[in-house]
Amino acid sequence: MHELQPKHTKLKKEEVDKLISELNISLTQLPKIKITDPALPEGCEISDVIKIERIKNNDEGEKTSVVYYRVVVV
């Protein structure tokens, strides 16, 4: 993984269930990421949910973590 690439983590089934419940959405409503994306961790399969953590710098120079979720598709 390149140092500028955001951290990609595959969520466990329990984590996915909790996320879907908290957001009150279905799995199909999450943004998509292709199975061929080189940033995906090894062993990802279709319908897995990926947590993407990006580090942002605010105006004061403080680093904050921004989290995005994607579902793996064909």
C-alpha atoms as a PDB file:
ATOM      1  CA  MET A   1       0.000   0.000   0.000  1.00  0.00           C
ATOM      2  CA  HIS A   2       1.309   3.440  -0.918  1.00  0.00           C
ATOM      3  CA  GLU A   3       1.660   5.993   1.892  1.00  0.00           C
ATOM      4  CA  LEU A   4      -0.745   8.402   0.158  1.00  0.00           C
ATOM      5  CA  GLN A   5      -3.399   5.724  -0.341  1.00  0.00           C
ATOM      6  CA  PRO A   6      -6.220   5.795   2.231  1.00  0.00           C
ATOM      7  CA  LYS A   7      -6.459   2.812   4.566  1.00  0.00           C
ATOM      8  CA  HIS A   8      -8.945   0.184   3.272  1.00  0.00           C
ATOM      9  CA  THR A   9     -10.336  -2.336   5.764  1.00  0.00           C
ATOM     10  CA  LYS A  10     -12.789  -5.165   5.163  1.00  0.00           C
ATOM     11  CA  LEU A  11     -15.591  -5.126   7.767  1.00  0.00           C
ATOM     12  CA  LYS A  12     -16.741  -8.240   9.605  1.00  0.00           C
ATOM     13  CA  LYS A  13     -20.351  -9.426   9.287  1.00  0.00           C
ATOM     14  CA  GLU A  14     -21.229  -8.067  12.752  1.00  0.00           C
ATOM     15  CA  GLU A  15     -19.761  -4.661  11.884  1.00  0.00           C
ATOM     16  CA  VAL A  16     -21.739  -4.545   8.624  1.00  0.00           C
ATOM     17  CA  ASP A  17     -24.979  -5.396  10.436  1.00  0.00           C
ATOM     18  CA  LYS A  18     -24.333  -2.657  13.003  1.00  0.00           C
ATOM     19  CA  LEU A  19     -23.479  -0.083  10.293  1.00  0.00           C
ATOM     20  CA  ILE A  20     -26.588  -0.887   8.241  1.00  0.00           C
ATOM     21  CA  SER A  21     -28.730  -0.654  11.367  1.00  0.00           C
ATOM     22  CA  GLU A  22     -27.207   2.661  12.511  1.00  0.00           C
ATOM     23  CA  LEU A  23     -27.554   4.272   9.096  1.00  0.00           C
ATOM     24  CA  ASN A  24     -31.026   2.736   8.560  1.00  0.00           C
ATOM     25  CA  ILE A  25     -30.167   1.743   4.983  1.00  0.00           C
ATOM     26  CA  SER A  26     -29.811  -1.419   2.949  1.00  0.00           C
ATOM     27  CA  LEU A  27     -26.524  -2.756   1.628  1.00  0.00           C
ATOM     28  CA  THR A  28     -27.469  -1.720  -1.928  1.00  0.00           C
ATOM     29  CA  GLN A  29     -27.694   1.929  -0.861  1.00  0.00           C
ATOM     30  CA  LEU A  30     -23.993   2.148  -0.024  1.00  0.00           C
ATOM     31  CA  PRO A  31     -21.623   3.613  -2.634  1.00  0.00           C
ATOM     32  CA  LYS A  32     -19.880   0.998  -4.772  1.00  0.00           C
ATOM     33  CA  ILE A  33     -16.252  -0.045  -5.297  1.00  0.00           C
ATOM     34  CA  LYS A  34     -15.228  -2.469  -8.039  1.00  0.00           C
ATOM     35  CA  ILE A  35     -13.701  -5.833  -7.164  1.00  0.00           C
ATOM     36  CA  THR A  36     -10.837  -4.966  -9.535  1.00  0.00           C
ATOM     37  CA  ASP A  37      -9.854  -1.849  -7.565  1.00  0.00           C
ATOM     38  CA  PRO A  38      -6.168  -2.280  -6.638  1.00  0.00           C
ATOM     39  CA  ALA A  39      -6.683  -0.582  -3.252  1.00  0.00           C
ATOM     40  CA  LEU A  40      -8.916  -3.404  -1.955  1.00  0.00           C
ATOM     41  CA  PRO A  41      -7.401  -5.667   0.687  1.00  0.00           C
ATOM     42  CA  GLU A  42      -6.669  -9.244  -0.363  1.00  0.00           C
ATOM     43  CA  GLY A  43      -9.485 -11.740  -0.016  1.00  0.00           C
ATOM     44  CA  CYS A  44     -12.344  -9.328  -0.719  1.00  0.00           C
ATOM     45  CA  GLU A  45     -15.441 -10.762  -2.350  1.00  0.00           C
ATOM     46  CA  ILE A  46     -18.542  -9.292  -3.935  1.00  0.00           C
ATOM     47  CA  SER A  47     -20.946  -7.754  -1.350  1.00  0.00           C
ATOM     48  CA  ASP A  48     -18.174  -7.212   1.239  1.00  0.00           C
ATOM     49  CA  VAL A  49     -18.211  -3.781   2.875  1.00  0.00           C
ATOM     50  CA  ILE A  50     -14.986  -1.775   2.917  1.00  0.00           C
ATOM     51  CA  LYS A  51     -14.168   0.980   5.399  1.00  0.00           C
ATOM     52  CA  ILE A  52     -11.966   3.690   3.887  1.00  0.00           C
ATOM     53  CA  GLU A  53     -10.168   6.034   6.295  1.00  0.00           C
ATOM     54  CA  ARG A  54      -8.777   9.259   4.878  1.00  0.00           C
ATOM     55  CA  ILE A  55      -6.664  11.681   6.883  1.00  0.00           C
ATOM     56  CA  LYS A  56      -7.563  15.332   6.300  1.00  0.00           C
ATOM     57  CA  ASN A  57      -5.825  18.458   7.526  1.00  0.00           C
ATOM     58  CA  ASN A  58      -8.106  21.238   8.696  1.00  0.00           C
ATOM     59  CA  ASP A  59      -7.329  24.970   8.511  1.00  0.00           C
ATOM     60  CA  GLU A  60      -5.469  24.882  11.835  1.00  0.00           C
ATOM     61  CA  GLY A  61      -3.187  22.095  10.616  1.00  0.00           C
ATOM     62  CA  GLU A  62      -4.819  19.425  12.788  1.00  0.00           C
ATOM     63  CA  LYS A  63      -5.267  15.987  11.276  1.00  0.00           C
ATOM     64  CA  THR A  64      -8.712  14.410  11.355  1.00  0.00           C
ATOM     65  CA  SER A  65      -9.874  11.040  10.123  1.00  0.00           C
ATOM     66  CA  VAL A  66     -12.790  10.897   7.681  1.00  0.00           C
ATOM     67  CA  VAL A  67     -14.484   7.513   7.193  1.00  0.00           C
ATOM     68  CA  TYR A  68     -16.264   6.318   4.050  1.00  0.00           C
ATOM     69  CA  TYR A  69     -17.937   2.974   3.354  1.00  0.00           C
ATOM     70  CA  ARG A  70     -18.187   1.120   0.042  1.00  0.00           C
ATOM     71  CA  VAL A  71     -19.732  -2.185  -0.994  1.00  0.00           C
ATOM     72  CA  VAL A  72     -17.730  -4.394  -3.382  1.00  0.00           C
ATOM     73  CA  VAL A  73     -19.387  -5.022  -6.765  1.00  0.00           C
ATOM     74  CA  VAL A  74     -18.447  -6.679 -10.066  1.00  0.00           C
END
